Amino acid sequence: PLGVDPKVLHQGCEVLVAAGDLSVRIGCQGSSAPGCLLGLAFQGLELLEAPLRPNFWRPPTDNDYGANLHKDCACWRFAGQHAVLLEDLQTMPGPGVVNISGMLGIGAGGAKLAVTYSVSSVGITVKAHWQPCVGQGPRPALAGGVGYLRSCTNRHLDVEGTVVRARWNDMGEWQSLTMNAAKEPGQQLEHGDKIALQATTGKTEAELLLHGIVPTAESVALPDGESAFSVEASGDPRTPCWRILRKEGVGKLKSGDKVSLETDGKFLAVSDENAVAVDKESSLTEFTLDIKDQSAPMRIGFTTTLVDGFEDVEWFGRGPHESYVDRHASARVSLHRGSILEQTVKYVRPQENGNKFQTRWMALKRKQSDACNMLFIAAKDPPSLEMQCHRYDLADFDGGEEKATQRFLHAGELVERPTTALCIDVLQMGVGGIDSWGNKPLAEHMIGAQQEATWAFQLLPGRQTEEGDWRVQLAGYP
């Protein structure tokens, strides 16, 4: 039974819903997290320390670093945190339940996430539909994104070792250039932005070798007798040195734009298939910016932080150890339980860990005497999702752009937090590790760039009593 009809109140930048013992806050335009669940309280006890936000990023594994996925997927790092509400929330009341829906814009690439919160006195059902941006006209050029520079000869710049040339009209690995900028990854580049053109110059067993394309002090003669400077891939890939200039002038960069690249009065050019730096602009310094579809995210789901007081976890799904789409054969489907603290796998270097693949439900528990002593998370459609919980912040596992500068370099340095980090995902890419480090996970364990996803789950706060089995009591919940 759904119980009493919810009462809805619009107050400032929030929609407030009260239904029996449950009270809910959802962000509107102008809030710190528009379109997101801001608060979930049961009998006056608030359960959320942070909003339930969309999440498309995971703390990179050692294999992610080796395969350069921390760079290739960098545009997704803050995409969920910076989600924007594209239109006002729609409120649709019904018998015993109110549905609040919105459309979120994710990242600068045009991806969307439709989300609906169905609130009753029992709990909240969250329904979501992920729509990546594919084939919708010109693609935006993003900081941290990949671009291809096509010269006036209709051939793309390519890098082999440190040598930079333009030999083929092809957008393959040799032609792939990551455009690192001073602005946050995922933001759209604009006329006049300084960027580094990062290329892959080699590979070791443990990592890809990355360098920036830069001019050198070596003088070279051009066929017309003019002098120029050689260009090679030997610079710092993180230090922007080229100003990217649109032929049309001020504006945001997108695929198909005619651009030139300038540094210290020299312009990147192509002469006789060789990349050089010249003193003045000409047809040789004009490039067409080509961009493929945006890379797929590492995961698709939601994350939040719960308030102090959650100590134990029980779940029905794979366990008792961590499991992923490409690492789950030994994790048996059963009823598992333990402390939340035990769910973190302490690899030598903190990184993504503790995932629970194909989880039907998870119950996070507090002290028996609390007004709300349990939060029940149940997969609804599909019947299982990926979940994980930690007594550490996810940022504690994240090595960022350079894992050598990670906040906690060793798992023994991690500091337990009183709050609980919770992830609920419909998809997460595999962890790979097929050849030590370096290769991406197998194609069937990756998220497709054009892959849509629809999923739903329930958040059911309540009290677990000592009378009977609480799981039986939940059987009739919507």
Protein backbone atom coordinates (compact mmCIF):
# COMPACT_ATOMS: atom_id res chain seq x y z
CA PRO A 1 0.00 0.00 0.00
CA LEU A 2 1.20 3.52 -0.85
CA GLY A 3 -0.39 5.20 2.16
CA VAL A 4 -1.36 8.86 2.49
CA ASP A 5 -1.28 11.27 -0.43
CA PRO A 6 1.97 13.29 -0.48
CA LYS A 7 1.85 17.06 0.07
CA VAL A 8 3.94 19.15 -2.31
CA LEU A 9 5.33 22.60 -1.58
CA HIS A 10 7.55 24.79 -3.79
CA GLN A 11 9.89 26.75 -1.56
CA GLY A 12 12.71 28.82 -2.99
CA CYS A 13 14.88 26.63 -5.22
CA GLU A 14 13.46 23.37 -3.89
CA VAL A 15 10.42 21.14 -4.22
CA LEU A 16 9.43 19.77 -0.80
CA VAL A 17 7.36 16.59 -0.53
CA ALA A 18 5.92 15.29 2.75
CA ALA A 19 4.29 11.84 2.89
CA GLY A 20 3.68 10.24 6.28
CA ASP A 21 7.02 9.81 8.07
CA LEU A 22 8.92 10.64 4.86
CA SER A 23 10.08 14.07 3.71
CA VAL A 24 11.95 14.73 0.47
CA ARG A 25 13.71 17.73 -1.08
CA ILE A 26 14.45 18.00 -4.82
CA GLY A 27 16.48 20.82 -6.37
CA CYS A 28 14.93 23.25 -8.88
CA GLN A 29 16.58 25.85 -11.11
CA GLY A 30 19.02 27.89 -9.03
CA SER A 31 19.74 25.23 -6.43
CA SER A 32 23.18 23.76 -5.78
CA ALA A 33 22.12 20.51 -7.48
CA PRO A 34 19.21 21.21 -9.87
CA GLY A 35 17.11 18.18 -10.73
CA CYS A 36 18.77 16.10 -8.01
CA LEU A 37 17.52 14.59 -4.76
CA LEU A 38 18.80 16.98 -2.09
CA GLY A 39 17.32 15.45 1.02
CA LEU A 40 15.62 12.28 2.27
CA ALA A 41 14.42 12.24 5.88
CA PHE A 42 12.46 9.66 7.87
CA GLN A 43 10.78 10.70 11.13
CA GLY A 44 12.87 13.85 11.07
CA LEU A 45 16.23 12.09 10.64
CA GLU A 46 17.99 13.34 7.49
CA LEU A 47 19.83 10.53 5.69
CA LEU A 48 21.68 12.37 2.92
CA GLU A 49 24.88 14.26 3.66
CA ALA A 50 25.22 15.17 -0.03
CA PRO A 51 22.76 15.18 -2.97
CA LEU A 52 22.09 12.07 -5.03
CA ARG A 53 23.87 13.13 -8.23
CA PRO A 54 24.40 11.47 -11.61
CA ASN A 55 27.85 9.90 -11.81
CA PHE A 56 29.91 8.96 -14.88
CA TRP A 57 33.40 8.66 -13.40
CA ARG A 58 35.27 6.14 -11.29
CA PRO A 59 38.58 6.50 -9.45
CA PRO A 60 40.98 5.24 -12.15
CA THR A 61 42.49 1.80 -11.68
CA ASP A 62 46.14 1.12 -12.50
CA ASN A 63 44.93 -0.46 -15.73
CA ASP A 64 42.90 2.70 -16.52
CA TYR A 65 46.08 4.73 -16.22
CA GLY A 66 48.01 2.28 -18.39
CA ALA A 67 45.32 2.46 -21.09
CA ASN A 68 45.15 6.28 -20.80
CA LEU A 69 41.46 6.09 -19.87
CA HIS A 70 41.93 8.71 -17.17
CA LYS A 71 42.65 11.12 -20.05
CA ASP A 72 40.31 9.70 -22.70
CA CYS A 73 37.36 9.86 -20.27
CA ALA A 74 38.41 13.06 -18.47
CA CYS A 75 35.42 14.98 -19.81
CA TRP A 76 33.18 12.82 -17.58
CA ARG A 77 35.05 13.48 -14.31
CA PHE A 78 32.81 16.36 -13.18
CA ALA A 79 29.95 15.92 -15.65
CA GLY A 80 27.51 14.67 -13.01
CA GLN A 81 28.43 17.39 -10.52
CA HIS A 82 27.85 20.06 -13.17
CA ALA A 83 24.59 18.67 -14.56
CA VAL A 84 22.13 21.41 -15.53
CA LEU A 85 18.35 21.32 -15.48
CA LEU A 86 17.23 21.96 -19.07
CA GLU A 87 13.62 22.77 -18.20
CA ASP A 88 11.50 23.33 -15.12
CA LEU A 89 10.60 20.25 -13.08
CA GLN A 90 7.22 18.71 -13.88
CA THR A 91 5.06 17.65 -10.91
CA MET A 92 2.35 15.04 -11.50
CA PRO A 93 0.33 14.05 -8.41
CA GLY A 94 -1.52 10.73 -8.25
CA PRO A 95 -3.21 8.50 -5.70
CA GLY A 96 -0.71 7.95 -2.86
CA VAL A 97 2.27 9.09 -4.97
CA VAL A 98 3.66 12.19 -6.68
CA ASN A 99 5.94 12.03 -9.72
CA ILE A 100 8.53 14.79 -10.20
CA SER A 101 10.37 14.71 -13.53
CA GLY A 102 13.18 16.66 -15.16
CA MET A 103 15.68 16.55 -18.00
CA LEU A 104 19.35 17.09 -17.11
CA GLY A 105 22.03 18.22 -19.53
CA ILE A 106 25.25 16.30 -18.93
CA GLY A 107 28.57 17.78 -20.02
CA ALA A 108 29.20 20.12 -22.95
CA GLY A 109 28.70 17.35 -25.51
CA GLY A 110 24.90 17.42 -25.47
CA ALA A 111 24.18 14.18 -23.55
CA LYS A 112 20.95 14.07 -21.52
CA LEU A 113 19.62 12.23 -18.50
CA ALA A 114 15.85 12.07 -17.98
CA VAL A 115 15.01 11.43 -14.33
CA THR A 116 11.74 10.88 -12.45
CA TYR A 117 11.29 10.71 -8.68
CA SER A 118 8.14 8.88 -7.56
CA VAL A 119 7.58 9.78 -3.89
CA SER A 120 5.15 8.00 -1.56
CA SER A 121 4.97 7.47 2.19
CA VAL A 122 6.93 4.23 1.63
CA GLY A 123 9.95 5.70 -0.14
CA ILE A 124 11.25 6.99 -3.48
CA THR A 125 11.53 5.24 -6.82
CA VAL A 126 14.19 6.83 -9.04
CA LYS A 127 13.76 6.21 -12.77
CA ALA A 128 16.41 7.36 -15.25
CA HIS A 129 17.10 7.23 -18.98
CA TRP A 130 20.58 7.98 -20.35
CA GLN A 131 20.81 9.51 -23.84
CA PRO A 132 24.36 10.02 -25.15
CA CYS A 133 24.93 12.69 -27.78
CA VAL A 134 25.44 10.93 -31.10
CA GLY A 135 25.13 12.21 -34.66
CA GLN A 136 23.50 15.52 -33.75
CA GLY A 137 25.36 17.94 -36.00
CA PRO A 138 28.73 19.54 -35.21
CA ARG A 139 30.43 18.13 -32.13
CA PRO A 140 31.83 20.50 -29.51
CA ALA A 141 35.59 20.64 -28.94
CA LEU A 142 36.13 19.89 -25.26
CA ALA A 143 39.02 20.52 -22.91
CA GLY A 144 40.55 17.10 -22.34
CA GLY A 145 38.75 15.79 -25.43
CA VAL A 146 40.23 14.23 -28.55
CA GLY A 147 40.50 16.09 -31.86
CA TYR A 148 42.09 15.54 -35.28
CA LEU A 149 43.79 18.28 -37.30
CA ARG A 150 43.22 17.96 -41.07
CA SER A 151 45.67 20.04 -43.12
CA CYS A 152 45.02 21.86 -46.40
CA THR A 153 46.25 18.71 -48.19
CA ASN A 154 43.27 16.84 -46.65
CA ARG A 155 45.61 14.72 -44.49
CA HIS A 156 45.52 14.56 -40.72
CA LEU A 157 48.49 15.25 -38.47
CA ASP A 158 49.97 11.97 -37.26
CA VAL A 159 52.60 11.16 -34.66
CA GLU A 160 55.03 8.25 -34.84
CA GLY A 161 57.50 8.31 -31.97
CA THR A 162 58.44 11.99 -31.74
CA VAL A 163 58.02 12.65 -35.48
CA VAL A 164 54.99 14.75 -36.47
CA ARG A 165 53.76 14.54 -40.06
CA ALA A 166 50.54 14.58 -42.11
CA ARG A 167 50.52 11.46 -44.28
CA TRP A 168 46.97 10.13 -44.45
CA ASN A 169 43.34 11.19 -44.29
CA ASP A 170 42.56 8.98 -41.30
CA MET A 171 41.35 9.41 -37.73
CA GLY A 172 43.14 6.54 -36.03
CA GLU A 173 45.35 6.22 -32.97
CA TRP A 174 48.34 7.93 -34.60
CA GLN A 175 46.20 10.94 -35.51
CA SER A 176 44.47 11.20 -32.13
CA LEU A 177 45.37 14.41 -30.26
CA THR A 178 44.10 15.14 -26.75
CA MET A 179 43.46 18.87 -26.32
CA ASN A 180 44.53 19.65 -22.75
CA ALA A 181 43.67 23.17 -21.58
CA ALA A 182 43.85 25.25 -18.44
CA LYS A 183 40.06 24.99 -18.06
CA GLU A 184 38.29 22.06 -16.44
CA PRO A 185 38.03 18.87 -18.54
CA GLY A 186 34.68 18.66 -20.31
CA GLN A 187 34.25 22.41 -20.81
CA GLN A 188 33.95 23.60 -24.40
CA LEU A 189 37.03 25.21 -25.93
CA GLU A 190 36.80 28.72 -27.33
CA HIS A 191 38.67 30.94 -29.78
CA GLY A 192 41.95 32.01 -28.17
CA ASP A 193 42.20 29.21 -25.60
CA LYS A 194 45.69 27.83 -25.00
CA ILE A 195 45.93 24.09 -25.41
CA ALA A 196 48.52 21.32 -25.36
CA LEU A 197 48.34 18.85 -28.24
CA GLN A 198 48.97 15.58 -26.45
CA ALA A 199 49.99 12.60 -28.59
CA THR A 200 50.85 8.99 -27.82
CA THR A 201 54.52 8.52 -28.62
CA GLY A 202 55.06 4.97 -27.41
CA LYS A 203 54.07 2.34 -24.89
CA THR A 204 55.71 0.40 -22.10
CA GLU A 205 54.33 -2.62 -20.29
CA ALA A 206 52.84 -0.35 -17.65
CA GLU A 207 51.71 2.79 -19.48
CA LEU A 208 51.36 4.78 -22.65
CA LEU A 209 54.06 7.39 -23.32
CA LEU A 210 52.49 10.80 -23.81
CA HIS A 211 54.12 13.97 -25.09
CA GLY A 212 53.01 17.37 -26.34
CA ILE A 213 53.59 18.64 -29.88
CA VAL A 214 55.97 21.61 -29.65
CA PRO A 215 58.26 23.64 -31.96
CA THR A 216 62.00 23.16 -31.54
CA ALA A 217 64.96 25.49 -32.04
CA GLU A 218 66.11 23.51 -35.08
CA SER A 219 65.82 25.51 -38.30
CA VAL A 220 64.64 23.78 -41.48
CA ALA A 221 64.36 24.98 -45.08
CA LEU A 222 61.02 24.86 -46.89
CA PRO A 223 60.68 24.01 -50.61
CA ASP A 224 60.05 27.69 -51.47
CA GLY A 225 63.30 28.70 -49.78
CA GLU A 226 61.67 30.14 -46.68
CA SER A 227 62.96 29.04 -43.29
CA ALA A 228 60.93 27.40 -40.51
CA PHE A 229 61.42 25.45 -37.32
CA SER A 230 60.92 21.76 -36.88
CA VAL A 231 58.08 20.41 -34.75
CA GLU A 232 58.17 17.25 -32.67
CA ALA A 233 56.24 15.41 -29.99
CA SER A 234 58.63 15.87 -27.07
CA GLY A 235 57.00 18.50 -24.85
CA ASP A 236 55.04 18.34 -21.61
CA PRO A 237 51.56 17.03 -22.56
CA ARG A 238 49.95 18.97 -19.70
CA THR A 239 51.39 22.41 -20.45
CA PRO A 240 49.27 24.41 -22.92
CA CYS A 241 51.41 26.25 -25.44
CA TRP A 242 49.31 26.66 -28.63
CA ARG A 243 46.62 29.31 -28.97
CA ILE A 244 43.83 27.83 -31.05
CA LEU A 245 42.26 30.46 -33.31
CA ARG A 246 38.98 30.13 -35.22
CA LYS A 247 39.00 31.54 -38.73
CA GLU A 248 35.53 32.94 -37.96
CA GLY A 249 36.83 34.66 -34.83
CA VAL A 250 35.32 34.74 -31.35
CA GLY A 251 33.12 31.77 -30.48
CA LYS A 252 33.07 28.23 -29.20
CA LEU A 253 35.01 25.57 -31.08
CA LYS A 254 33.28 22.69 -32.80
CA SER A 255 33.99 20.09 -35.43
CA GLY A 256 34.34 21.50 -38.94
CA ASP A 257 35.86 24.79 -37.77
CA LYS A 258 38.84 26.15 -39.71
CA VAL A 259 41.56 26.86 -37.16
CA SER A 260 45.19 27.86 -36.84
CA LEU A 261 47.53 27.24 -33.91
CA GLU A 262 50.03 29.86 -32.73
CA THR A 263 52.76 29.92 -30.10
CA ASP A 264 55.24 32.75 -29.53
CA GLY A 265 54.51 34.23 -32.96
CA LYS A 266 54.98 30.93 -34.80
CA PHE A 267 52.19 29.00 -36.52
CA LEU A 268 51.84 25.25 -36.87
CA ALA A 269 51.98 24.30 -40.55
CA VAL A 270 52.37 21.31 -42.87
CA SER A 271 54.93 21.38 -45.68
CA ASP A 272 55.75 18.30 -47.74
CA GLU A 273 53.98 16.07 -45.20
CA ASN A 274 56.15 17.42 -42.38
CA ALA A 275 54.86 19.49 -39.47
CA VAL A 276 56.78 22.75 -39.03
CA ALA A 277 56.42 26.11 -37.31
CA VAL A 278 56.42 29.20 -39.55
CA ASP A 279 56.43 32.96 -38.92
CA LYS A 280 53.29 33.92 -40.86
CA GLU A 281 49.88 32.54 -41.67
CA SER A 282 49.09 31.00 -45.05
CA SER A 283 47.09 28.11 -46.47
CA LEU A 284 49.73 25.81 -44.94
CA THR A 285 48.77 26.94 -41.42
CA GLU A 286 45.04 26.32 -41.83
CA PHE A 287 43.57 23.13 -40.37
CA THR A 288 40.07 21.71 -40.18
CA LEU A 289 39.17 20.47 -36.71
CA ASP A 290 37.62 16.99 -36.87
CA ILE A 291 36.03 15.36 -33.82
CA LYS A 292 34.60 11.89 -33.39
CA ASP A 293 31.69 11.02 -31.13
CA GLN A 294 32.40 11.75 -27.47
CA SER A 295 34.07 8.90 -25.60
CA ALA A 296 31.84 6.74 -23.44
CA PRO A 297 31.85 7.28 -19.66
CA MET A 298 33.45 4.83 -17.24
CA ARG A 299 30.14 4.26 -15.48
CA ILE A 300 26.51 5.37 -15.65
CA GLY A 301 24.64 5.78 -12.40
CA PHE A 302 24.18 7.87 -9.26
CA THR A 303 26.25 8.57 -6.17
CA THR A 304 25.57 10.17 -2.81
CA THR A 305 27.03 10.44 0.67
CA LEU A 306 24.97 9.31 3.67
CA VAL A 307 25.11 10.97 7.09
CA ASP A 308 27.02 9.62 10.07
CA GLY A 309 25.76 6.49 11.77
CA PHE A 310 25.55 3.80 9.09
CA GLU A 311 27.67 0.84 10.20
CA ASP A 312 26.59 -2.44 8.60
CA VAL A 313 25.46 -3.70 5.21
CA GLU A 314 23.45 -6.65 3.98
CA TRP A 315 22.88 -7.41 0.30
CA PHE A 316 21.50 -10.03 -2.03
CA GLY A 317 23.69 -10.42 -5.07
CA ARG A 318 27.23 -11.40 -5.90
CA GLY A 319 29.76 -11.59 -3.09
CA PRO A 320 31.21 -11.67 -0.60
CA HIS A 321 34.19 -10.09 -2.37
CA GLU A 322 34.09 -7.37 -5.03
CA SER A 323 32.82 -8.18 -8.53
CA TYR A 324 32.73 -6.46 -11.93
CA VAL A 325 31.32 -7.23 -15.35
CA ASP A 326 34.62 -8.93 -16.26
CA ARG A 327 35.48 -10.20 -12.75
CA HIS A 328 32.53 -12.02 -11.18
CA ALA A 329 32.69 -15.78 -11.83
CA SER A 330 33.94 -16.50 -8.29
CA ALA A 331 31.44 -14.16 -6.62
CA ARG A 332 28.39 -16.27 -5.80
CA VAL A 333 24.83 -14.95 -5.82
CA SER A 334 23.66 -15.22 -2.23
CA LEU A 335 22.72 -13.25 0.87
CA HIS A 336 25.82 -11.49 2.23
CA ARG A 337 26.41 -9.25 5.22
CA GLY A 338 29.24 -7.44 6.98
CA SER A 339 30.37 -4.02 8.13
CA ILE A 340 30.48 -1.16 5.62
CA LEU A 341 34.12 -0.63 6.50
CA GLU A 342 34.94 -4.17 5.34
CA GLN A 343 33.59 -3.51 1.84
CA THR A 344 36.60 -1.41 0.80
CA VAL A 345 39.33 -3.44 -0.89
CA LYS A 346 42.65 -1.89 0.04
CA TYR A 347 44.88 -2.21 -3.00
CA VAL A 348 48.42 -0.92 -2.49
CA ARG A 349 47.41 2.30 -4.21
CA PRO A 350 43.79 3.34 -3.49
CA GLN A 351 41.66 3.12 -6.65
CA GLU A 352 38.24 1.88 -7.83
CA ASN A 353 37.23 -1.06 -5.63
CA GLY A 354 34.47 -2.85 -3.77
CA ASN A 355 31.87 -3.02 -6.55
CA LYS A 356 29.00 -5.48 -6.20
CA PHE A 357 27.91 -6.67 -9.65
CA GLN A 358 24.34 -7.90 -10.18
CA THR A 359 22.97 -6.72 -6.83
CA ARG A 360 19.22 -7.20 -6.28
CA TRP A 361 19.06 -5.15 -3.10
CA MET A 362 21.25 -3.64 -0.40
CA ALA A 363 20.34 -2.65 3.17
CA LEU A 364 22.52 -0.13 5.01
CA LYS A 365 21.94 -0.28 8.77
CA ARG A 366 22.23 2.03 11.75
CA LYS A 367 21.80 1.61 15.50
CA GLN A 368 18.58 -0.21 16.47
CA SER A 369 17.50 2.75 18.62
CA ASP A 370 17.62 5.32 15.78
CA ALA A 371 14.37 6.78 14.44
CA CYS A 372 15.42 5.38 11.05
CA ASN A 373 17.79 2.45 11.43
CA MET A 374 17.91 1.20 7.85
CA LEU A 375 18.04 2.44 4.25
CA PHE A 376 16.97 -0.22 1.76
CA ILE A 377 18.11 0.18 -1.86
CA ALA A 378 16.35 -2.15 -4.30
CA ALA A 379 16.92 -2.60 -8.04
CA LYS A 380 13.61 -2.43 -9.86
CA ASP A 381 14.30 -2.38 -13.61
CA PRO A 382 16.50 -4.16 -14.53
CA PRO A 383 16.18 -6.58 -11.59
CA SER A 384 19.83 -6.13 -10.61
CA LEU A 385 22.21 -3.16 -10.60
CA GLU A 386 25.79 -2.50 -9.51
CA MET A 387 26.18 -1.08 -5.99
CA GLN A 388 28.98 -0.28 -3.59
CA CYS A 389 29.39 1.42 -0.21
CA HIS A 390 32.45 2.77 1.60
CA ARG A 391 33.38 4.52 4.82
CA TYR A 392 35.74 6.61 2.70
CA ASP A 393 35.08 9.38 0.24
CA LEU A 394 35.37 8.31 -3.42
CA ALA A 395 37.87 11.14 -3.89
CA ASP A 396 40.16 9.31 -1.43
CA PHE A 397 40.57 6.60 -4.10
CA ASP A 398 41.13 8.99 -7.03
CA GLY A 399 44.62 9.55 -8.37
CA GLY A 400 43.58 12.41 -10.66
CA GLU A 401 45.67 13.23 -13.70
CA GLU A 402 48.90 12.03 -12.09
CA LYS A 403 48.55 9.18 -9.61
CA ALA A 404 51.95 10.03 -8.12
CA THR A 405 50.32 13.15 -6.63
CA GLN A 406 47.33 11.27 -5.18
CA ARG A 407 46.14 12.47 -1.75
CA PHE A 408 46.58 8.98 -0.28
CA LEU A 409 49.36 7.11 -2.05
CA HIS A 410 48.93 3.92 -0.04
CA ALA A 411 45.83 2.19 1.30
CA GLY A 412 47.30 2.18 4.80
CA GLU A 413 47.11 5.98 4.78
CA LEU A 414 43.34 6.08 4.22
CA VAL A 415 41.39 7.72 7.05
CA GLU A 416 37.98 6.27 7.90
CA ARG A 417 35.14 8.78 7.64
CA PRO A 418 31.95 8.83 9.71
CA THR A 419 29.86 9.23 6.54
CA THR A 420 29.13 6.52 3.95
CA ALA A 421 29.70 6.86 0.19
CA LEU A 422 27.10 5.02 -1.90
CA CYS A 423 27.12 4.25 -5.65
CA ILE A 424 24.19 2.82 -7.61
CA ASP A 425 25.04 2.10 -11.26
CA VAL A 426 23.29 0.56 -14.21
CA LEU A 427 26.63 0.12 -16.03
CA GLN A 428 30.32 0.21 -15.20
CA MET A 429 33.06 -0.72 -17.61
CA GLY A 430 35.26 -3.71 -16.80
CA VAL A 431 38.56 -3.40 -14.99
CA GLY A 432 40.68 -5.13 -17.66
CA GLY A 433 44.18 -6.11 -16.59
CA ILE A 434 44.49 -8.59 -19.46
CA ASP A 435 48.15 -7.78 -20.14
CA SER A 436 49.26 -6.36 -16.81
CA TRP A 437 48.48 -2.70 -17.62
CA GLY A 438 47.98 -1.02 -20.96
CA ASN A 439 45.12 -2.53 -22.91
CA LYS A 440 41.53 -1.46 -22.42
CA PRO A 441 39.00 -4.02 -21.17
CA LEU A 442 37.53 -6.26 -23.85
CA ALA A 443 34.99 -4.58 -26.13
CA GLU A 444 32.09 -6.52 -24.61
CA HIS A 445 33.05 -5.14 -21.19
CA MET A 446 33.14 -1.49 -22.29
CA ILE A 447 30.26 0.98 -22.36
CA GLY A 448 29.40 1.93 -25.92
CA ALA A 449 29.62 5.59 -26.95
CA GLN A 450 26.13 5.29 -28.47
CA GLN A 451 24.72 3.04 -25.74
CA GLU A 452 21.54 4.26 -24.08
CA ALA A 453 20.44 2.97 -20.68
CA THR A 454 17.20 2.89 -18.71
CA TRP A 455 17.03 1.85 -15.07
CA ALA A 456 15.08 2.29 -11.86
CA PHE A 457 15.72 1.70 -8.18
CA GLN A 458 14.03 2.35 -4.85
CA LEU A 459 15.24 4.13 -1.73
CA LEU A 460 13.20 2.88 1.22
CA PRO A 461 14.07 4.26 4.68
CA GLY A 462 12.49 2.70 7.72
CA ARG A 463 12.83 0.88 11.01
CA GLN A 464 13.94 -2.72 11.33
CA THR A 465 12.30 -4.30 14.35
CA GLU A 466 13.18 -7.50 16.15
CA GLU A 467 9.79 -8.96 15.30
CA GLY A 468 9.86 -11.18 12.20
CA ASP A 469 11.91 -10.88 9.06
CA TRP A 470 12.02 -7.29 7.78
CA ARG A 471 12.59 -8.55 4.21
CA VAL A 472 9.13 -10.15 4.26
CA GLN A 473 7.63 -6.85 5.37
CA LEU A 474 9.17 -5.15 2.34
CA ALA A 475 7.79 -7.71 -0.11
CA GLY A 476 4.63 -5.74 -0.80
CA TYR A 477 6.33 -2.38 -1.29
CA PRO A 478 5.97 -0.77 -4.73
